[in-house]
Amino acid sequence: MIDLIEGKKPETMSECAKNLLPVRDALHVLSGKWKLTIIVALFFGSKRFKEMEREITGITAKMLSQELKELEANELVKRTVYDTIPVSVEYELTEYGWTLKPVINALRDWGEAHRKRMIV
């Protein structure tokens, strides 16, 4: 695998394509306005649906539900239904979801640096 961070140029187009494919796959799974925000919220612990809806400013219940279903389908979020009255549902990151922590931390660090650079 080519280390893109070192700035090495791929020798062929196919090498470039091999590096683009996993990036595209990752962006496909994490794309959209809300998925990363939901994941970050779950880094702070498991949450009920309404709790996330309150914490994530601007998201609608319909969009939150849709994004959680997609995150669950990609094995990043686990949904647990409790047999209570009324039924309560809690969401948490899976072990696989936690593997995104270094990616999220890198994005946060870059975002902080970018804000400092742009807000003079």
N, C-alpha and C. Protein backbone atom coordinates (compact mmCIF):
# COMPACT_ATOMS: atom_id res chain seq x y z
N MET A 1 0.83 -1.19 0.00
CA MET A 1 0.00 0.00 0.00
C MET A 1 0.88 1.25 0.00
N ILE A 2 0.45 2.23 -0.70
CA ILE A 2 1.19 3.48 -0.80
C ILE A 2 0.84 4.36 0.38
N ASP A 3 1.85 4.94 0.97
CA ASP A 3 1.61 5.84 2.09
C ASP A 3 1.36 7.24 1.54
N LEU A 4 0.09 7.61 1.46
CA LEU A 4 -0.27 8.91 0.90
C LEU A 4 0.21 10.05 1.77
N ILE A 5 0.35 9.80 3.06
CA ILE A 5 0.79 10.85 3.97
C ILE A 5 2.22 11.27 3.68
N GLU A 6 3.03 10.32 3.22
CA GLU A 6 4.42 10.63 2.89
C GLU A 6 4.53 11.40 1.57
N GLY A 7 3.43 11.51 0.84
CA GLY A 7 3.44 12.28 -0.39
C GLY A 7 4.04 11.53 -1.57
N LYS A 8 4.14 10.22 -1.46
CA LYS A 8 4.68 9.43 -2.57
C LYS A 8 3.65 9.37 -3.68
N LYS A 9 4.11 9.53 -4.90
CA LYS A 9 3.20 9.48 -6.03
C LYS A 9 3.00 8.03 -6.46
N PRO A 10 1.76 7.64 -6.73
CA PRO A 10 1.53 6.31 -7.29
C PRO A 10 2.22 6.20 -8.64
N GLU A 11 2.79 5.03 -8.91
CA GLU A 11 3.51 4.84 -10.16
C GLU A 11 2.58 4.64 -11.34
N THR A 12 1.39 4.12 -11.10
CA THR A 12 0.45 3.89 -12.19
C THR A 12 -0.93 4.38 -11.78
N MET A 13 -1.79 4.53 -12.78
CA MET A 13 -3.16 4.93 -12.49
C MET A 13 -3.86 3.87 -11.64
N SER A 14 -3.58 2.60 -11.88
CA SER A 14 -4.25 1.56 -11.10
C SER A 14 -3.89 1.65 -9.63
N GLU A 15 -2.66 2.08 -9.33
CA GLU A 15 -2.28 2.27 -7.93
C GLU A 15 -3.09 3.42 -7.34
N CYS A 16 -3.30 4.46 -8.12
CA CYS A 16 -4.11 5.59 -7.67
C CYS A 16 -5.54 5.10 -7.41
N ALA A 17 -6.09 4.34 -8.34
CA ALA A 17 -7.46 3.82 -8.19
C ALA A 17 -7.58 2.93 -6.97
N LYS A 18 -6.55 2.13 -6.69
CA LYS A 18 -6.58 1.26 -5.52
C LYS A 18 -6.65 2.06 -4.23
N ASN A 19 -6.07 3.24 -4.23
CA ASN A 19 -6.10 4.10 -3.04
C ASN A 19 -7.38 4.92 -2.97
N LEU A 20 -7.95 5.23 -4.12
CA LEU A 20 -9.20 5.99 -4.14
C LEU A 20 -10.39 5.16 -3.69
N LEU A 21 -10.40 3.89 -4.04
CA LEU A 21 -11.54 3.02 -3.74
C LEU A 21 -11.86 2.95 -2.26
N PRO A 22 -10.90 2.67 -1.37
CA PRO A 22 -11.26 2.62 0.05
C PRO A 22 -11.68 3.98 0.61
N VAL A 23 -11.14 5.06 0.08
CA VAL A 23 -11.56 6.39 0.53
C VAL A 23 -13.00 6.64 0.11
N ARG A 24 -13.33 6.27 -1.12
CA ARG A 24 -14.72 6.41 -1.58
C ARG A 24 -15.66 5.56 -0.75
N ASP A 25 -15.23 4.34 -0.42
CA ASP A 25 -16.06 3.46 0.41
C ASP A 25 -16.33 4.09 1.77
N ALA A 26 -15.28 4.63 2.38
CA ALA A 26 -15.42 5.27 3.69
C ALA A 26 -16.35 6.47 3.60
N LEU A 27 -16.18 7.29 2.58
CA LEU A 27 -17.05 8.45 2.42
C LEU A 27 -18.49 8.04 2.17
N HIS A 28 -18.69 6.95 1.47
CA HIS A 28 -20.05 6.46 1.23
C HIS A 28 -20.74 6.08 2.55
N VAL A 29 -20.01 5.38 3.41
CA VAL A 29 -20.58 4.94 4.69
C VAL A 29 -20.82 6.13 5.62
N LEU A 30 -19.94 7.12 5.59
CA LEU A 30 -20.00 8.23 6.54
C LEU A 30 -20.57 9.51 5.93
N SER A 31 -21.04 9.43 4.70
CA SER A 31 -21.49 10.64 4.01
C SER A 31 -22.77 11.20 4.62
N GLY A 32 -23.01 12.44 4.29
CA GLY A 32 -24.19 13.12 4.77
C GLY A 32 -23.85 14.09 5.87
N LYS A 33 -24.80 14.89 6.18
CA LYS A 33 -24.62 15.95 7.15
C LYS A 33 -24.57 15.44 8.59
N TRP A 34 -25.19 14.29 8.86
CA TRP A 34 -25.44 13.91 10.25
C TRP A 34 -24.69 12.70 10.78
N LYS A 35 -24.20 11.81 9.93
CA LYS A 35 -23.63 10.55 10.43
C LYS A 35 -22.46 10.77 11.39
N LEU A 36 -21.51 11.60 11.00
CA LEU A 36 -20.37 11.83 11.88
C LEU A 36 -20.80 12.52 13.18
N THR A 37 -21.77 13.40 13.08
CA THR A 37 -22.29 14.08 14.27
C THR A 37 -22.91 13.07 15.23
N ILE A 38 -23.66 12.13 14.71
CA ILE A 38 -24.28 11.08 15.53
C ILE A 38 -23.20 10.22 16.18
N ILE A 39 -22.19 9.86 15.41
CA ILE A 39 -21.10 9.04 15.95
C ILE A 39 -20.38 9.78 17.07
N VAL A 40 -20.10 11.06 16.87
CA VAL A 40 -19.44 11.85 17.91
C VAL A 40 -20.31 11.89 19.17
N ALA A 41 -21.61 12.09 19.01
CA ALA A 41 -22.51 12.10 20.16
C ALA A 41 -22.44 10.78 20.92
N LEU A 42 -22.33 9.68 20.20
CA LEU A 42 -22.28 8.36 20.84
C LEU A 42 -20.92 8.05 21.46
N PHE A 43 -19.89 8.81 21.10
CA PHE A 43 -18.59 8.66 21.78
C PHE A 43 -18.74 9.02 23.26
N PHE A 44 -19.74 9.82 23.58
CA PHE A 44 -19.95 10.25 24.96
C PHE A 44 -20.90 9.33 25.72
N GLY A 45 -21.18 8.17 25.13
CA GLY A 45 -22.00 7.17 25.82
C GLY A 45 -23.27 6.84 25.07
N SER A 46 -23.88 5.74 25.48
CA SER A 46 -25.12 5.32 24.84
C SER A 46 -26.22 6.35 25.11
N LYS A 47 -27.13 6.46 24.15
CA LYS A 47 -28.18 7.47 24.27
C LYS A 47 -29.50 6.94 23.73
N ARG A 48 -30.56 7.47 24.29
CA ARG A 48 -31.88 7.19 23.76
C ARG A 48 -32.14 8.13 22.58
N PHE A 49 -33.10 7.75 21.76
CA PHE A 49 -33.42 8.50 20.55
C PHE A 49 -33.71 9.96 20.86
N LYS A 50 -34.61 10.23 21.80
CA LYS A 50 -35.00 11.61 22.12
C LYS A 50 -33.83 12.41 22.66
N GLU A 51 -32.94 11.74 23.39
CA GLU A 51 -31.76 12.41 23.93
C GLU A 51 -30.86 12.90 22.79
N MET A 52 -30.67 12.04 21.79
CA MET A 52 -29.87 12.44 20.63
C MET A 52 -30.56 13.56 19.85
N GLU A 53 -31.87 13.44 19.71
CA GLU A 53 -32.62 14.45 18.98
C GLU A 53 -32.46 15.83 19.64
N ARG A 54 -32.42 15.85 20.97
CA ARG A 54 -32.22 17.12 21.69
C ARG A 54 -30.79 17.62 21.57
N GLU A 55 -29.82 16.72 21.64
CA GLU A 55 -28.41 17.11 21.62
C GLU A 55 -27.92 17.55 20.25
N ILE A 56 -28.44 16.93 19.21
CA ILE A 56 -27.97 17.22 17.85
C ILE A 56 -28.88 18.29 17.25
N THR A 57 -28.49 19.51 17.42
CA THR A 57 -29.29 20.65 16.99
C THR A 57 -29.52 20.63 15.49
N GLY A 58 -30.80 20.75 15.11
CA GLY A 58 -31.15 20.88 13.71
C GLY A 58 -31.56 19.59 13.02
N ILE A 59 -31.35 18.45 13.63
CA ILE A 59 -31.72 17.18 12.99
C ILE A 59 -33.20 16.90 13.27
N THR A 60 -33.89 16.40 12.27
CA THR A 60 -35.29 16.02 12.46
C THR A 60 -35.36 14.57 12.93
N ALA A 61 -36.46 14.20 13.53
CA ALA A 61 -36.64 12.82 14.01
C ALA A 61 -36.55 11.84 12.84
N LYS A 62 -37.14 12.21 11.71
CA LYS A 62 -37.11 11.34 10.54
C LYS A 62 -35.68 11.12 10.05
N MET A 63 -34.90 12.19 9.99
CA MET A 63 -33.51 12.08 9.53
C MET A 63 -32.66 11.30 10.52
N LEU A 64 -32.86 11.55 11.82
CA LEU A 64 -32.12 10.81 12.84
C LEU A 64 -32.41 9.33 12.73
N SER A 65 -33.66 8.98 12.56
CA SER A 65 -34.06 7.58 12.43
C SER A 65 -33.41 6.94 11.20
N GLN A 66 -33.43 7.65 10.09
CA GLN A 66 -32.85 7.14 8.84
C GLN A 66 -31.34 6.94 8.98
N GLU A 67 -30.66 7.93 9.55
CA GLU A 67 -29.21 7.85 9.70
C GLU A 67 -28.82 6.73 10.67
N LEU A 68 -29.57 6.58 11.76
CA LEU A 68 -29.28 5.50 12.71
C LEU A 68 -29.45 4.13 12.05
N LYS A 69 -30.47 3.98 11.21
CA LYS A 69 -30.67 2.71 10.49
C LYS A 69 -29.50 2.41 9.59
N GLU A 70 -28.99 3.43 8.89
CA GLU A 70 -27.84 3.21 8.00
C GLU A 70 -26.57 2.90 8.80
N LEU A 71 -26.38 3.59 9.91
CA LEU A 71 -25.22 3.31 10.76
C LEU A 71 -25.30 1.90 11.35
N GLU A 72 -26.50 1.49 11.68
CA GLU A 72 -26.71 0.13 12.20
C GLU A 72 -26.44 -0.90 11.10
N ALA A 73 -26.91 -0.63 9.89
CA ALA A 73 -26.69 -1.54 8.76
C ALA A 73 -25.20 -1.71 8.45
N ASN A 74 -24.41 -0.66 8.73
CA ASN A 74 -22.97 -0.72 8.51
C ASN A 74 -22.20 -1.16 9.75
N GLU A 75 -22.95 -1.65 10.75
CA GLU A 75 -22.38 -2.23 11.97
C GLU A 75 -21.57 -1.24 12.81
N LEU A 76 -21.91 0.04 12.70
CA LEU A 76 -21.23 1.06 13.49
C LEU A 76 -22.00 1.39 14.77
N VAL A 77 -23.31 1.18 14.74
CA VAL A 77 -24.18 1.49 15.88
C VAL A 77 -25.01 0.26 16.22
N LYS A 78 -25.20 0.06 17.52
CA LYS A 78 -26.04 -1.04 18.00
C LYS A 78 -27.30 -0.45 18.62
N ARG A 79 -28.42 -1.04 18.27
CA ARG A 79 -29.72 -0.61 18.78
C ARG A 79 -30.21 -1.66 19.76
N THR A 80 -30.54 -1.24 20.98
CA THR A 80 -31.05 -2.16 21.99
C THR A 80 -32.44 -1.71 22.40
N VAL A 81 -33.39 -2.65 22.31
CA VAL A 81 -34.78 -2.37 22.70
C VAL A 81 -35.01 -2.98 24.07
N TYR A 82 -35.49 -2.17 25.00
CA TYR A 82 -35.78 -2.64 26.35
C TYR A 82 -37.28 -2.85 26.52
N ASP A 83 -37.63 -3.96 27.14
CA ASP A 83 -39.03 -4.33 27.33
C ASP A 83 -39.60 -3.59 28.53
N THR A 84 -39.80 -2.30 28.33
CA THR A 84 -40.37 -1.46 29.38
C THR A 84 -41.68 -0.86 28.85
N ILE A 85 -42.39 -0.21 29.72
CA ILE A 85 -43.62 0.47 29.30
C ILE A 85 -43.44 1.96 29.59
N PRO A 86 -43.40 2.80 28.58
CA PRO A 86 -43.34 2.45 27.16
C PRO A 86 -41.99 1.84 26.80
N VAL A 87 -41.92 1.19 25.66
CA VAL A 87 -40.68 0.57 25.19
C VAL A 87 -39.61 1.65 25.05
N SER A 88 -38.42 1.35 25.53
CA SER A 88 -37.33 2.31 25.35
C SER A 88 -36.26 1.69 24.46
N VAL A 89 -35.65 2.53 23.65
CA VAL A 89 -34.63 2.10 22.70
C VAL A 89 -33.38 2.92 22.98
N GLU A 90 -32.26 2.25 23.03
CA GLU A 90 -30.99 2.91 23.30
C GLU A 90 -30.01 2.58 22.18
N TYR A 91 -29.17 3.54 21.83
CA TYR A 91 -28.18 3.37 20.78
C TYR A 91 -26.79 3.54 21.38
N GLU A 92 -25.86 2.75 20.88
CA GLU A 92 -24.47 2.86 21.31
C GLU A 92 -23.57 2.47 20.15
N LEU A 93 -22.32 2.90 20.22
CA LEU A 93 -21.37 2.50 19.20
C LEU A 93 -20.99 1.04 19.41
N THR A 94 -20.80 0.34 18.31
CA THR A 94 -20.29 -1.02 18.38
C THR A 94 -18.77 -0.94 18.54
N GLU A 95 -18.16 -2.08 18.78
CA GLU A 95 -16.70 -2.14 18.84
C GLU A 95 -16.12 -1.63 17.52
N TYR A 96 -16.76 -2.01 16.43
CA TYR A 96 -16.35 -1.56 15.10
C TYR A 96 -16.53 -0.05 14.97
N GLY A 97 -17.60 0.49 15.51
CA GLY A 97 -17.83 1.93 15.49
C GLY A 97 -16.72 2.71 16.20
N TRP A 98 -16.21 2.11 17.27
CA TRP A 98 -15.13 2.75 18.03
C TRP A 98 -13.85 2.85 17.23
N THR A 99 -13.71 2.04 16.17
CA THR A 99 -12.49 2.12 15.35
C THR A 99 -12.42 3.46 14.60
N LEU A 100 -13.52 4.20 14.58
CA LEU A 100 -13.52 5.52 13.93
C LEU A 100 -12.94 6.62 14.82
N LYS A 101 -12.66 6.31 16.07
CA LYS A 101 -12.17 7.34 17.00
C LYS A 101 -10.94 8.08 16.49
N PRO A 102 -9.89 7.39 15.99
CA PRO A 102 -8.74 8.14 15.49
C PRO A 102 -9.08 9.02 14.27
N VAL A 103 -9.99 8.55 13.45
CA VAL A 103 -10.42 9.33 12.29
C VAL A 103 -11.13 10.59 12.75
N ILE A 104 -12.05 10.44 13.69
CA ILE A 104 -12.82 11.58 14.21
C ILE A 104 -11.88 12.56 14.91
N ASN A 105 -10.94 12.04 15.70
CA ASN A 105 -9.98 12.91 16.39
C ASN A 105 -9.14 13.70 15.38
N ALA A 106 -8.72 13.04 14.31
CA ALA A 106 -7.94 13.73 13.27
C ALA A 106 -8.78 14.81 12.60
N LEU A 107 -10.05 14.51 12.32
CA LEU A 107 -10.93 15.52 11.72
C LEU A 107 -11.14 16.69 12.66
N ARG A 108 -11.33 16.39 13.95
CA ARG A 108 -11.50 17.46 14.94
C ARG A 108 -10.27 18.35 14.99
N ASP A 109 -9.08 17.73 15.04
CA ASP A 109 -7.83 18.50 15.11
C ASP A 109 -7.67 19.37 13.87
N TRP A 110 -7.95 18.78 12.71
CA TRP A 110 -7.84 19.55 11.47
C TRP A 110 -8.86 20.70 11.48
N GLY A 111 -10.08 20.41 11.92
CA GLY A 111 -11.12 21.44 11.97
C GLY A 111 -10.76 22.59 12.90
N GLU A 112 -10.16 22.27 14.04
CA GLU A 112 -9.73 23.33 14.96
C GLU A 112 -8.64 24.20 14.33
N ALA A 113 -7.68 23.55 13.67
CA ALA A 113 -6.61 24.30 13.00
C ALA A 113 -7.17 25.15 11.85
N HIS A 114 -8.10 24.59 11.13
CA HIS A 114 -8.71 25.32 10.02
C HIS A 114 -9.48 26.54 10.52
N ARG A 115 -10.22 26.37 11.60
CA ARG A 115 -10.97 27.50 12.17
C ARG A 115 -10.01 28.63 12.57
N LYS A 116 -8.90 28.26 13.21
CA LYS A 116 -7.91 29.27 13.61
C LYS A 116 -7.32 29.98 12.40
N ARG A 117 -7.09 29.22 11.35
CA ARG A 117 -6.51 29.80 10.12
C ARG A 117 -7.50 30.74 9.44
N MET A 118 -8.76 30.38 9.41
CA MET A 118 -9.76 31.15 8.68
C MET A 118 -10.33 32.31 9.49
N ILE A 119 -10.37 32.15 10.81
CA ILE A 119 -10.90 33.20 11.68
C ILE A 119 -9.72 33.98 12.23
N VAL A 120 -9.35 35.00 11.51
CA VAL A 120 -8.14 35.78 11.87
C VAL A 120 -8.49 36.90 12.81
